Amino acid sequence: MAQGRRVVITGMGAVSGAGLGWKPLWTAARDGASVIRPLEFARDYPGRIRIGAQVPGFDAAALIDRPTLMYCDPFTQYAIVAADQAVAEADLERGNVGGADCAVILGSGIGGIRTVDDGLFNLYAKGVKPEPLSIPKLIASAGPSMLSIRFDAHGPVFAVASACSSASQAIGIGMQMVRSGMAERAIVGGAEASLSVGTQMTWEMLRVLTPDKCRPFSKGRNGMSIGDGAAMFILETEEAAIARGANILCRLVGYGTSADARDPIRPDVDGASLAMRRAVEDSGVSPDEIAYVNA
């Protein structure tokens, strides 16, 4: 069991196919309501599979100021909106959430791919040069960088890319930083905005997408669906949260990570099992105390 300070979550926010906020997302999950719908793209989609979990009615201009928005790919936009929600729920404000000891860790498997896709289409199909700010928008570190600017966070700030586990890794790393004293507070989570004509087509060519319904634990499962969105959390020490009268949502007690080291696209059960065992060992709890497994 790792020794250190107790780490708690005091705020969370989400942008998803269920809408804005973690409550609509939780309600959809609780009620078994699918948010996978027919895809709507600005350009014609030449592929066969036309379903996914897009964020409905997202108006970035109404939620983010123009000077910030000009540097933001949609994945960064989602991260900012979700982080704003988390900060508000933690009973903090933009002016007092950051500081020298505040970390920002954002997981993203693919970063600003929407900017890449649109830029390449404009270049090769229309002969239009890329936008001057394309590079600052598309790099994976754009997300945490813009969050650090927004909340004046001067601690460790970086992106984590480990495919589907990127956000979980970001949360775990942030927990370790707060627990060890490397940071007093951390803004952590993940964001993706990969639903575009180009990326949907490349996923389809990988032959992993379902043409009708995502049902991962069914005998009749036939693939996955892609979704856009973000989820962000505020981490701090339990002592600090109690001292400022914050509402503690939960405590983070363990983190484990591993690599299959076998195949680029076929997950191996031994890798997942090792990560789970390491998380349990790190937490100090026994397996029979665990009542819920999220898979």
C-alpha atoms as a PDB file:
ATOM      1  CA  MET A   1       0.000   0.000   0.000  1.00  0.00           C
ATOM      2  CA  ALA A   2       1.378   3.397  -0.981  1.00  0.00           C
ATOM      3  CA  GLN A   3       1.799   5.904   1.828  1.00  0.00           C
ATOM      4  CA  GLY A   4       0.926   9.565   1.465  1.00  0.00           C
ATOM      5  CA  ARG A   5      -1.810  12.112   1.799  1.00  0.00           C
ATOM      6  CA  ARG A   6      -5.449  11.224   1.241  1.00  0.00           C
ATOM      7  CA  VAL A   7      -6.748  12.398  -2.139  1.00  0.00           C
ATOM      8  CA  VAL A   8     -10.385  13.284  -2.778  1.00  0.00           C
ATOM      9  CA  ILE A   9     -12.574  14.439  -5.660  1.00  0.00           C
ATOM     10  CA  THR A  10     -14.475  17.646  -4.952  1.00  0.00           C
ATOM     11  CA  GLY A  11     -15.785  18.507  -8.408  1.00  0.00           C
ATOM     12  CA  MET A  12     -16.588  16.839 -11.698  1.00  0.00           C
ATOM     13  CA  GLY A  13     -17.946  17.820 -15.078  1.00  0.00           C
ATOM     14  CA  ALA A  14     -18.805  16.142 -18.357  1.00  0.00           C
ATOM     15  CA  VAL A  15     -19.602  16.784 -21.995  1.00  0.00           C
ATOM     16  CA  SER A  16     -21.041  13.758 -23.767  1.00  0.00           C
ATOM     17  CA  GLY A  17     -23.617  12.381 -26.131  1.00  0.00           C
ATOM     18  CA  ALA A  18     -26.075  12.833 -23.262  1.00  0.00           C
ATOM     19  CA  GLY A  19     -25.447  16.600 -23.218  1.00  0.00           C
ATOM     20  CA  LEU A  20     -23.659  18.979 -20.858  1.00  0.00           C
ATOM     21  CA  GLY A  21     -22.947  17.982 -17.270  1.00  0.00           C
ATOM     22  CA  TRP A  22     -22.342  14.734 -15.424  1.00  0.00           C
ATOM     23  CA  LYS A  23     -25.960  14.370 -14.306  1.00  0.00           C
ATOM     24  CA  PRO A  24     -27.414  13.752 -17.814  1.00  0.00           C
ATOM     25  CA  LEU A  25     -24.598  11.278 -18.453  1.00  0.00           C
ATOM     26  CA  TRP A  26     -25.226   9.456 -15.176  1.00  0.00           C
ATOM     27  CA  THR A  27     -28.972   9.384 -15.825  1.00  0.00           C
ATOM     28  CA  ALA A  28     -28.449   7.857 -19.274  1.00  0.00           C
ATOM     29  CA  ALA A  29     -26.085   5.223 -17.865  1.00  0.00           C
ATOM     30  CA  ARG A  30     -28.411   4.423 -14.968  1.00  0.00           C
ATOM     31  CA  ASP A  31     -31.459   4.114 -17.199  1.00  0.00           C
ATOM     32  CA  GLY A  32     -29.697   2.223 -19.971  1.00  0.00           C
ATOM     33  CA  ALA A  33     -30.473   4.985 -22.464  1.00  0.00           C
ATOM     34  CA  SER A  34     -28.216   4.892 -25.512  1.00  0.00           C
ATOM     35  CA  VAL A  35     -26.854   8.199 -26.826  1.00  0.00           C
ATOM     36  CA  ILE A  36     -25.586   6.653 -30.058  1.00  0.00           C
ATOM     37  CA  ARG A  37     -27.394   8.269 -32.972  1.00  0.00           C
ATOM     38  CA  PRO A  38     -27.092   8.762 -36.739  1.00  0.00           C
ATOM     39  CA  LEU A  39     -24.002  10.861 -37.412  1.00  0.00           C
ATOM     40  CA  GLU A  40     -24.255  14.390 -38.761  1.00  0.00           C
ATOM     41  CA  PHE A  41     -21.228  15.668 -40.665  1.00  0.00           C
ATOM     42  CA  ALA A  42     -20.732  18.945 -42.520  1.00  0.00           C
ATOM     43  CA  ARG A  43     -19.372  16.950 -45.481  1.00  0.00           C
ATOM     44  CA  ASP A  44     -20.739  13.874 -47.218  1.00  0.00           C
ATOM     45  CA  TYR A  45     -19.645  10.634 -45.571  1.00  0.00           C
ATOM     46  CA  PRO A  46     -18.706   7.930 -48.114  1.00  0.00           C
ATOM     47  CA  GLY A  47     -18.680   5.056 -45.648  1.00  0.00           C
ATOM     48  CA  ARG A  48     -21.216   2.474 -44.566  1.00  0.00           C
ATOM     49  CA  ILE A  49     -21.301   2.894 -40.776  1.00  0.00           C
ATOM     50  CA  ARG A  50     -23.056   6.111 -39.865  1.00  0.00           C
ATOM     51  CA  ILE A  51     -23.709   5.964 -36.113  1.00  0.00           C
ATOM     52  CA  GLY A  52     -21.811   7.364 -33.133  1.00  0.00           C
ATOM     53  CA  ALA A  53     -22.166   9.393 -29.953  1.00  0.00           C
ATOM     54  CA  GLN A  54     -21.813  13.024 -31.015  1.00  0.00           C
ATOM     55  CA  VAL A  55     -22.320  15.857 -28.516  1.00  0.00           C
ATOM     56  CA  PRO A  56     -25.776  17.308 -29.286  1.00  0.00           C
ATOM     57  CA  GLY A  57     -26.243  21.052 -29.743  1.00  0.00           C
ATOM     58  CA  PHE A  58     -22.777  22.043 -28.529  1.00  0.00           C
ATOM     59  CA  ASP A  59     -22.363  25.821 -28.982  1.00  0.00           C
ATOM     60  CA  ALA A  60     -18.712  26.560 -28.266  1.00  0.00           C
ATOM     61  CA  ALA A  61     -19.083  30.305 -28.899  1.00  0.00           C
ATOM     62  CA  ALA A  62     -21.702  30.556 -26.156  1.00  0.00           C
ATOM     63  CA  LEU A  63     -19.524  28.736 -23.625  1.00  0.00           C
ATOM     64  CA  ILE A  64     -15.957  29.885 -24.344  1.00  0.00           C
ATOM     65  CA  ASP A  65     -14.624  33.400 -24.939  1.00  0.00           C
ATOM     66  CA  ARG A  66     -13.454  34.230 -28.453  1.00  0.00           C
ATOM     67  CA  PRO A  67      -9.727  34.822 -27.638  1.00  0.00           C
ATOM     68  CA  THR A  68      -9.572  31.345 -26.088  1.00  0.00           C
ATOM     69  CA  LEU A  69     -11.721  29.661 -28.707  1.00  0.00           C
ATOM     70  CA  MET A  70      -9.411  30.591 -31.565  1.00  0.00           C
ATOM     71  CA  TYR A  71      -6.784  28.222 -30.111  1.00  0.00           C
ATOM     72  CA  CYS A  72      -9.172  25.333 -29.457  1.00  0.00           C
ATOM     73  CA  ASP A  73      -9.884  22.209 -31.441  1.00  0.00           C
ATOM     74  CA  PRO A  74     -13.194  20.643 -30.349  1.00  0.00           C
ATOM     75  CA  PHE A  75     -11.391  18.241 -27.990  1.00  0.00           C
ATOM     76  CA  THR A  76     -10.002  21.229 -26.092  1.00  0.00           C
ATOM     77  CA  GLN A  77     -13.404  22.930 -26.169  1.00  0.00           C
ATOM     78  CA  TYR A  78     -14.991  19.905 -24.519  1.00  0.00           C
ATOM     79  CA  ALA A  79     -12.236  19.756 -21.894  1.00  0.00           C
ATOM     80  CA  ILE A  80     -12.657  23.437 -21.025  1.00  0.00           C
ATOM     81  CA  VAL A  81     -16.434  23.214 -20.645  1.00  0.00           C
ATOM     82  CA  ALA A  82     -16.194  20.063 -18.508  1.00  0.00           C
ATOM     83  CA  ALA A  83     -13.442  21.633 -16.381  1.00  0.00           C
ATOM     84  CA  ASP A  84     -15.540  24.776 -15.856  1.00  0.00           C
ATOM     85  CA  GLN A  85     -18.317  22.547 -14.524  1.00  0.00           C
ATOM     86  CA  ALA A  86     -15.924  20.679 -12.222  1.00  0.00           C
ATOM     87  CA  VAL A  87     -14.463  23.897 -10.835  1.00  0.00           C
ATOM     88  CA  ALA A  88     -17.931  25.267 -10.124  1.00  0.00           C
ATOM     89  CA  GLU A  89     -19.042  22.067  -8.384  1.00  0.00           C
ATOM     90  CA  ALA A  90     -15.886  22.140  -6.255  1.00  0.00           C
ATOM     91  CA  ASP A  91     -17.016  25.590  -5.063  1.00  0.00           C
ATOM     92  CA  LEU A  92     -13.966  27.203  -6.635  1.00  0.00           C
ATOM     93  CA  GLU A  93     -13.536  29.987  -9.179  1.00  0.00           C
ATOM     94  CA  ARG A  94     -11.199  30.491 -12.106  1.00  0.00           C
ATOM     95  CA  GLY A  95      -9.190  32.948 -10.034  1.00  0.00           C
ATOM     96  CA  ASN A  96      -8.479  30.633  -7.104  1.00  0.00           C
ATOM     97  CA  VAL A  97      -8.359  27.096  -8.485  1.00  0.00           C
ATOM     98  CA  GLY A  98      -4.854  27.284  -9.957  1.00  0.00           C
ATOM     99  CA  GLY A  99      -1.552  28.562  -8.656  1.00  0.00           C
ATOM    100  CA  ALA A 100       2.011  27.314  -8.441  1.00  0.00           C
ATOM    101  CA  ASP A 101       1.018  23.926  -6.994  1.00  0.00           C
ATOM    102  CA  CYS A 102      -1.913  23.072  -9.298  1.00  0.00           C
ATOM    103  CA  ALA A 103      -1.348  20.344 -11.890  1.00  0.00           C
ATOM    104  CA  VAL A 104      -3.298  19.825 -15.113  1.00  0.00           C
ATOM    105  CA  ILE A 105      -3.205  16.339 -16.628  1.00  0.00           C
ATOM    106  CA  LEU A 106      -5.412  15.609 -19.639  1.00  0.00           C
ATOM    107  CA  GLY A 107      -5.730  12.279 -21.395  1.00  0.00           C
ATOM    108  CA  SER A 108      -6.497  12.153 -25.112  1.00  0.00           C
ATOM    109  CA  GLY A 109      -5.919   9.255 -27.434  1.00  0.00           C
ATOM    110  CA  ILE A 110      -5.845  11.313 -30.618  1.00  0.00           C
ATOM    111  CA  GLY A 111      -5.792  15.036 -29.726  1.00  0.00           C
ATOM    112  CA  GLY A 112      -6.913  17.615 -32.269  1.00  0.00           C
ATOM    113  CA  ILE A 113      -7.732  15.264 -35.120  1.00  0.00           C
ATOM    114  CA  ARG A 114     -10.730  17.355 -36.216  1.00  0.00           C
ATOM    115  CA  THR A 115      -8.335  20.205 -37.029  1.00  0.00           C
ATOM    116  CA  VAL A 116      -6.134  17.793 -38.988  1.00  0.00           C
ATOM    117  CA  ASP A 117      -9.056  16.300 -40.905  1.00  0.00           C
ATOM    118  CA  ASP A 118     -10.592  19.652 -41.823  1.00  0.00           C
ATOM    119  CA  GLY A 119      -7.214  21.118 -42.724  1.00  0.00           C
ATOM    120  CA  LEU A 120      -6.276  18.267 -45.045  1.00  0.00           C
ATOM    121  CA  PHE A 121      -9.669  18.333 -46.745  1.00  0.00           C
ATOM    122  CA  ASN A 122      -9.393  22.061 -47.348  1.00  0.00           C
ATOM    123  CA  LEU A 123      -5.831  21.687 -48.626  1.00  0.00           C
ATOM    124  CA  TYR A 124      -6.253  18.739 -50.992  1.00  0.00           C
ATOM    125  CA  ALA A 125      -9.901  19.066 -52.012  1.00  0.00           C
ATOM    126  CA  LYS A 126     -10.228  22.843 -52.125  1.00  0.00           C
ATOM    127  CA  GLY A 127      -6.662  24.055 -52.505  1.00  0.00           C
ATOM    128  CA  VAL A 128      -7.033  26.223 -49.385  1.00  0.00           C
ATOM    129  CA  LYS A 129      -4.028  26.701 -47.107  1.00  0.00           C
ATOM    130  CA  PRO A 130      -4.289  25.481 -43.482  1.00  0.00           C
ATOM    131  CA  GLU A 131      -5.272  27.914 -40.746  1.00  0.00           C
ATOM    132  CA  PRO A 132      -2.244  29.677 -39.184  1.00  0.00           C
ATOM    133  CA  LEU A 133      -3.131  28.345 -35.716  1.00  0.00           C
ATOM    134  CA  SER A 134      -3.561  24.734 -36.829  1.00  0.00           C
ATOM    135  CA  ILE A 135      -0.488  23.428 -34.993  1.00  0.00           C
ATOM    136  CA  PRO A 136      -1.335  24.999 -31.587  1.00  0.00           C
ATOM    137  CA  LYS A 137      -4.836  23.539 -31.948  1.00  0.00           C
ATOM    138  CA  LEU A 138      -4.024  19.997 -33.043  1.00  0.00           C
ATOM    139  CA  ILE A 139      -1.210  18.923 -30.702  1.00  0.00           C
ATOM    140  CA  ALA A 140      -2.319  16.788 -27.761  1.00  0.00           C
ATOM    141  CA  SER A 141      -0.764  19.208 -25.274  1.00  0.00           C
ATOM    142  CA  ALA A 142      -3.080  21.975 -26.530  1.00  0.00           C
ATOM    143  CA  GLY A 143      -5.817  20.743 -24.196  1.00  0.00           C
ATOM    144  CA  PRO A 144      -3.921  20.857 -20.893  1.00  0.00           C
ATOM    145  CA  SER A 145      -2.091  23.990 -22.006  1.00  0.00           C
ATOM    146  CA  MET A 146      -5.317  25.922 -22.570  1.00  0.00           C
ATOM    147  CA  LEU A 147      -6.684  24.631 -19.259  1.00  0.00           C
ATOM    148  CA  SER A 148      -3.571  25.830 -17.441  1.00  0.00           C
ATOM    149  CA  ILE A 149      -3.973  29.291 -18.980  1.00  0.00           C
ATOM    150  CA  ARG A 150      -7.672  29.414 -18.147  1.00  0.00           C
ATOM    151  CA  PHE A 151      -7.145  28.492 -14.499  1.00  0.00           C
ATOM    152  CA  ASP A 152      -3.671  30.017 -13.980  1.00  0.00           C
ATOM    153  CA  ALA A 153      -2.190  26.629 -13.086  1.00  0.00           C
ATOM    154  CA  HIS A 154       1.615  26.633 -12.941  1.00  0.00           C
ATOM    155  CA  GLY A 155       2.271  23.102 -11.695  1.00  0.00           C
ATOM    156  CA  PRO A 156       2.963  20.055 -13.882  1.00  0.00           C
ATOM    157  CA  VAL A 157       0.919  20.409 -17.078  1.00  0.00           C
ATOM    158  CA  PHE A 158       0.954  17.754 -19.787  1.00  0.00           C
ATOM    159  CA  ALA A 159      -1.073  15.359 -21.931  1.00  0.00           C
ATOM    160  CA  VAL A 160      -1.289  11.593 -21.571  1.00  0.00           C
ATOM    161  CA  ALA A 161      -1.856   9.402 -24.622  1.00  0.00           C
ATOM    162  CA  SER A 162      -2.486   5.698 -24.034  1.00  0.00           C
ATOM    163  CA  ALA A 163      -5.440   5.034 -26.338  1.00  0.00           C
ATOM    164  CA  CYS A 164      -8.643   4.129 -24.482  1.00  0.00           C
ATOM    165  CA  SER A 165      -6.993   4.338 -21.056  1.00  0.00           C
ATOM    166  CA  SER A 166      -5.706   7.914 -21.512  1.00  0.00           C
ATOM    167  CA  ALA A 167      -8.192   9.580 -19.150  1.00  0.00           C
ATOM    168  CA  SER A 168      -7.794   6.895 -16.484  1.00  0.00           C
ATOM    169  CA  GLN A 169      -4.026   7.323 -16.638  1.00  0.00           C
ATOM    170  CA  ALA A 170      -4.390  11.092 -16.271  1.00  0.00           C
ATOM    171  CA  ILE A 171      -6.562  10.658 -13.175  1.00  0.00           C
ATOM    172  CA  GLY A 172      -4.145   8.149 -11.664  1.00  0.00           C
ATOM    173  CA  ILE A 173      -1.092  10.312 -12.308  1.00  0.00           C
ATOM    174  CA  GLY A 174      -2.864  13.339 -10.841  1.00  0.00           C
ATOM    175  CA  MET A 175      -3.761  11.314  -7.750  1.00  0.00           C
ATOM    176  CA  GLN A 176      -0.144  10.251  -7.311  1.00  0.00           C
ATOM    177  CA  MET A 177       1.032  13.857  -7.603  1.00  0.00           C
ATOM    178  CA  VAL A 178      -1.371  15.113  -4.943  1.00  0.00           C
ATOM    179  CA  ARG A 179      -0.747  12.116  -2.698  1.00  0.00           C
ATOM    180  CA  SER A 180       3.025  12.569  -2.833  1.00  0.00           C
ATOM    181  CA  GLY A 181       2.977  16.344  -2.339  1.00  0.00           C
ATOM    182  CA  MET A 182       4.151  17.133  -5.861  1.00  0.00           C
ATOM    183  CA  ALA A 183       0.897  19.083  -6.324  1.00  0.00           C
ATOM    184  CA  GLU A 184      -1.692  20.473  -3.922  1.00  0.00           C
ATOM    185  CA  ARG A 185      -4.521  20.311  -6.422  1.00  0.00           C
ATOM    186  CA  ALA A 186      -4.982  18.699  -9.836  1.00  0.00           C
ATOM    187  CA  ILE A 187      -7.388  19.260 -12.721  1.00  0.00           C
ATOM    188  CA  VAL A 188      -7.553  15.892 -14.455  1.00  0.00           C
ATOM    189  CA  GLY A 189      -9.602  13.949 -16.964  1.00  0.00           C
ATOM    190  CA  GLY A 190      -9.878  13.172 -20.637  1.00  0.00           C
ATOM    191  CA  ALA A 191     -11.267  14.580 -23.876  1.00  0.00           C
ATOM    192  CA  GLU A 192     -11.822  13.308 -27.407  1.00  0.00           C
ATOM    193  CA  ALA A 193     -13.348  14.799 -30.558  1.00  0.00           C
ATOM    194  CA  SER A 194     -12.564  12.157 -33.140  1.00  0.00           C
ATOM    195  CA  LEU A 195     -15.904  11.978 -34.935  1.00  0.00           C
ATOM    196  CA  SER A 196     -15.104  13.432 -38.340  1.00  0.00           C
ATOM    197  CA  VAL A 197     -15.407  12.123 -41.877  1.00  0.00           C
ATOM    198  CA  GLY A 198     -11.765  11.074 -42.081  1.00  0.00           C
ATOM    199  CA  THR A 199     -11.459   9.423 -38.679  1.00  0.00           C
ATOM    200  CA  GLN A 200     -14.814   7.645 -38.896  1.00  0.00           C
ATOM    201  CA  MET A 201     -13.709   6.208 -42.229  1.00  0.00           C
ATOM    202  CA  THR A 202     -10.377   5.004 -40.826  1.00  0.00           C
ATOM    203  CA  TRP A 203     -12.128   3.340 -37.888  1.00  0.00           C
ATOM    204  CA  GLU A 204     -14.500   1.692 -40.336  1.00  0.00           C
ATOM    205  CA  MET A 205     -11.577   0.360 -42.371  1.00  0.00           C
ATOM    206  CA  LEU A 206     -10.176  -1.230 -39.200  1.00  0.00           C
ATOM    207  CA  ARG A 207     -13.384  -3.305 -39.151  1.00  0.00           C
ATOM    208  CA  VAL A 208     -14.119  -2.762 -35.477  1.00  0.00           C
ATOM    209  CA  LEU A 209     -17.282  -0.612 -35.707  1.00  0.00           C
ATOM    210  CA  THR A 210     -20.778  -1.949 -35.267  1.00  0.00           C
ATOM    211  CA  PRO A 211     -23.217  -0.996 -38.030  1.00  0.00           C
ATOM    212  CA  ASP A 212     -26.248  -1.115 -35.755  1.00  0.00           C
ATOM    213  CA  LYS A 213     -25.850  -1.279 -31.961  1.00  0.00           C
ATOM    214  CA  CYS A 214     -23.000  -1.260 -29.434  1.00  0.00           C
ATOM    215  CA  ARG A 215     -23.575  -4.182 -27.021  1.00  0.00           C
ATOM    216  CA  PRO A 216     -20.178  -5.170 -25.552  1.00  0.00           C
ATOM    217  CA  PHE A 217     -21.332  -7.927 -23.173  1.00  0.00           C
ATOM    218  CA  SER A 218     -23.772  -9.608 -25.543  1.00  0.00           C
ATOM    219  CA  LYS A 219     -23.117 -12.887 -27.323  1.00  0.00           C
ATOM    220  CA  GLY A 220     -24.275 -11.130 -30.476  1.00  0.00           C
ATOM    221  CA  ARG A 221     -21.869  -8.201 -30.177  1.00  0.00           C
ATOM    222  CA  ASN A 222     -20.425  -7.079 -33.486  1.00  0.00           C
ATOM    223  CA  GLY A 223     -18.257  -4.053 -32.783  1.00  0.00           C
ATOM    224  CA  MET A 224     -17.871  -0.746 -30.995  1.00  0.00           C
ATOM    225  CA  SER A 225     -19.074   2.812 -31.545  1.00  0.00           C
ATOM    226  CA  ILE A 226     -17.052   6.032 -31.371  1.00  0.00           C
ATOM    227  CA  GLY A 227     -18.087   8.914 -29.130  1.00  0.00           C
ATOM    228  CA  ASP A 228     -16.969  12.495 -28.503  1.00  0.00           C
ATOM    229  CA  GLY A 229     -16.829  14.361 -25.206  1.00  0.00           C
ATOM    230  CA  ALA A 230     -14.861  15.018 -22.033  1.00  0.00           C
ATOM    231  CA  ALA A 231     -14.890  14.300 -18.319  1.00  0.00           C
ATOM    232  CA  MET A 232     -12.917  16.401 -15.823  1.00  0.00           C
ATOM    233  CA  PHE A 233     -12.296  16.193 -12.081  1.00  0.00           C
ATOM    234  CA  ILE A 234     -10.843  18.349  -9.318  1.00  0.00           C
ATOM    235  CA  LEU A 235      -8.464  16.460  -7.029  1.00  0.00           C
ATOM    236  CA  GLU A 236      -7.117  17.808  -3.749  1.00  0.00           C
ATOM    237  CA  THR A 237      -6.049  16.557  -0.359  1.00  0.00           C
ATOM    238  CA  GLU A 238      -8.758  15.508   2.041  1.00  0.00           C
ATOM    239  CA  GLU A 239      -7.289  17.879   4.614  1.00  0.00           C
ATOM    240  CA  ALA A 240      -7.518  20.877   2.268  1.00  0.00           C
ATOM    241  CA  ALA A 241     -11.052  19.992   1.190  1.00  0.00           C
ATOM    242  CA  ILE A 242     -12.262  19.745   4.792  1.00  0.00           C
ATOM    243  CA  ALA A 243     -10.503  22.978   5.739  1.00  0.00           C
ATOM    244  CA  ARG A 244     -12.329  24.979   3.066  1.00  0.00           C
ATOM    245  CA  GLY A 245     -15.659  23.237   3.667  1.00  0.00           C
ATOM    246  CA  ALA A 246     -15.806  21.541   0.275  1.00  0.00           C
ATOM    247  CA  ASN A 247     -18.255  18.761  -0.489  1.00  0.00           C
ATOM    248  CA  ILE A 248     -16.202  15.574  -0.864  1.00  0.00           C
ATOM    249  CA  LEU A 249     -17.618  13.350  -3.595  1.00  0.00           C
ATOM    250  CA  CYS A 250     -15.285  10.402  -3.063  1.00  0.00           C
ATOM    251  CA  ARG A 251     -11.757   9.387  -2.100  1.00  0.00           C
ATOM    252  CA  LEU A 252      -9.215   7.927  -4.515  1.00  0.00           C
ATOM    253  CA  VAL A 253      -7.270   5.130  -2.842  1.00  0.00           C
ATOM    254  CA  GLY A 254      -5.439   3.171  -5.532  1.00  0.00           C
ATOM    255  CA  TYR A 255      -4.036   3.279  -9.040  1.00  0.00           C
ATOM    256  CA  GLY A 256      -2.517   0.571 -11.193  1.00  0.00           C
ATOM    257  CA  THR A 257      -1.207   0.546 -14.726  1.00  0.00           C
ATOM    258  CA  SER A 258       0.407  -2.005 -17.029  1.00  0.00           C
ATOM    259  CA  ALA A 259       1.054  -2.878 -20.665  1.00  0.00           C
ATOM    260  CA  ASP A 260       0.007  -6.002 -22.558  1.00  0.00           C
ATOM    261  CA  ALA A 261       3.214  -5.790 -24.624  1.00  0.00           C
ATOM    262  CA  ARG A 262       1.776  -8.242 -27.154  1.00  0.00           C
ATOM    263  CA  ASP A 263      -0.507  -6.916 -29.890  1.00  0.00           C
ATOM    264  CA  PRO A 264      -1.276  -3.343 -31.053  1.00  0.00           C
ATOM    265  CA  ILE A 265      -5.020  -3.889 -31.528  1.00  0.00           C
ATOM    266  CA  ARG A 266      -6.022  -7.026 -29.581  1.00  0.00           C
ATOM    267  CA  PRO A 267      -6.213  -6.429 -25.806  1.00  0.00           C
ATOM    268  CA  ASP A 268      -4.833  -9.204 -23.629  1.00  0.00           C
ATOM    269  CA  VAL A 269      -6.538 -10.270 -20.413  1.00  0.00           C
ATOM    270  CA  ASP A 270      -3.241 -10.601 -18.551  1.00  0.00           C
ATOM    271  CA  GLY A 271      -2.464  -6.904 -19.006  1.00  0.00           C
ATOM    272  CA  ALA A 272      -5.838  -5.806 -17.661  1.00  0.00           C
ATOM    273  CA  SER A 273      -5.556  -8.258 -14.767  1.00  0.00           C
ATOM    274  CA  LEU A 274      -2.115  -6.938 -13.833  1.00  0.00           C
ATOM    275  CA  ALA A 275      -3.337  -3.327 -13.804  1.00  0.00           C
ATOM    276  CA  MET A 276      -6.240  -4.290 -11.549  1.00  0.00           C
ATOM    277  CA  ARG A 277      -3.991  -6.203  -9.146  1.00  0.00           C
ATOM    278  CA  ARG A 278      -1.615  -3.251  -8.923  1.00  0.00           C
ATOM    279  CA  ALA A 279      -4.510  -0.879  -8.196  1.00  0.00           C
ATOM    280  CA  VAL A 280      -5.766  -3.152  -5.412  1.00  0.00           C
ATOM    281  CA  GLU A 281      -2.266  -3.447  -3.927  1.00  0.00           C
ATOM    282  CA  ASP A 282      -1.793   0.316  -4.107  1.00  0.00           C
ATOM    283  CA  SER A 283      -5.099   0.926  -2.331  1.00  0.00           C
ATOM    284  CA  GLY A 284      -4.611  -1.376   0.623  1.00  0.00           C
ATOM    285  CA  VAL A 285      -8.111  -2.836   0.269  1.00  0.00           C
ATOM    286  CA  SER A 286      -8.760  -6.545  -0.146  1.00  0.00           C
ATOM    287  CA  PRO A 287     -10.490  -7.931  -3.248  1.00  0.00           C
ATOM    288  CA  ASP A 288     -13.513  -9.066  -1.242  1.00  0.00           C
ATOM    289  CA  GLU A 289     -14.147  -5.448  -0.212  1.00  0.00           C
ATOM    290  CA  ILE A 290     -14.705  -4.402  -3.835  1.00  0.00           C
ATOM    291  CA  ALA A 291     -18.398  -4.351  -4.706  1.00  0.00           C
ATOM    292  CA  TYR A 292     -18.318  -2.852  -8.211  1.00  0.00           C
ATOM    293  CA  VAL A 293     -16.123  -3.269 -11.285  1.00  0.00           C
ATOM    294  CA  ASN A 294     -16.460  -0.844 -14.208  1.00  0.00           C
ATOM    295  CA  ALA A 295     -15.639  -2.501 -17.534  1.00  0.00           C
END
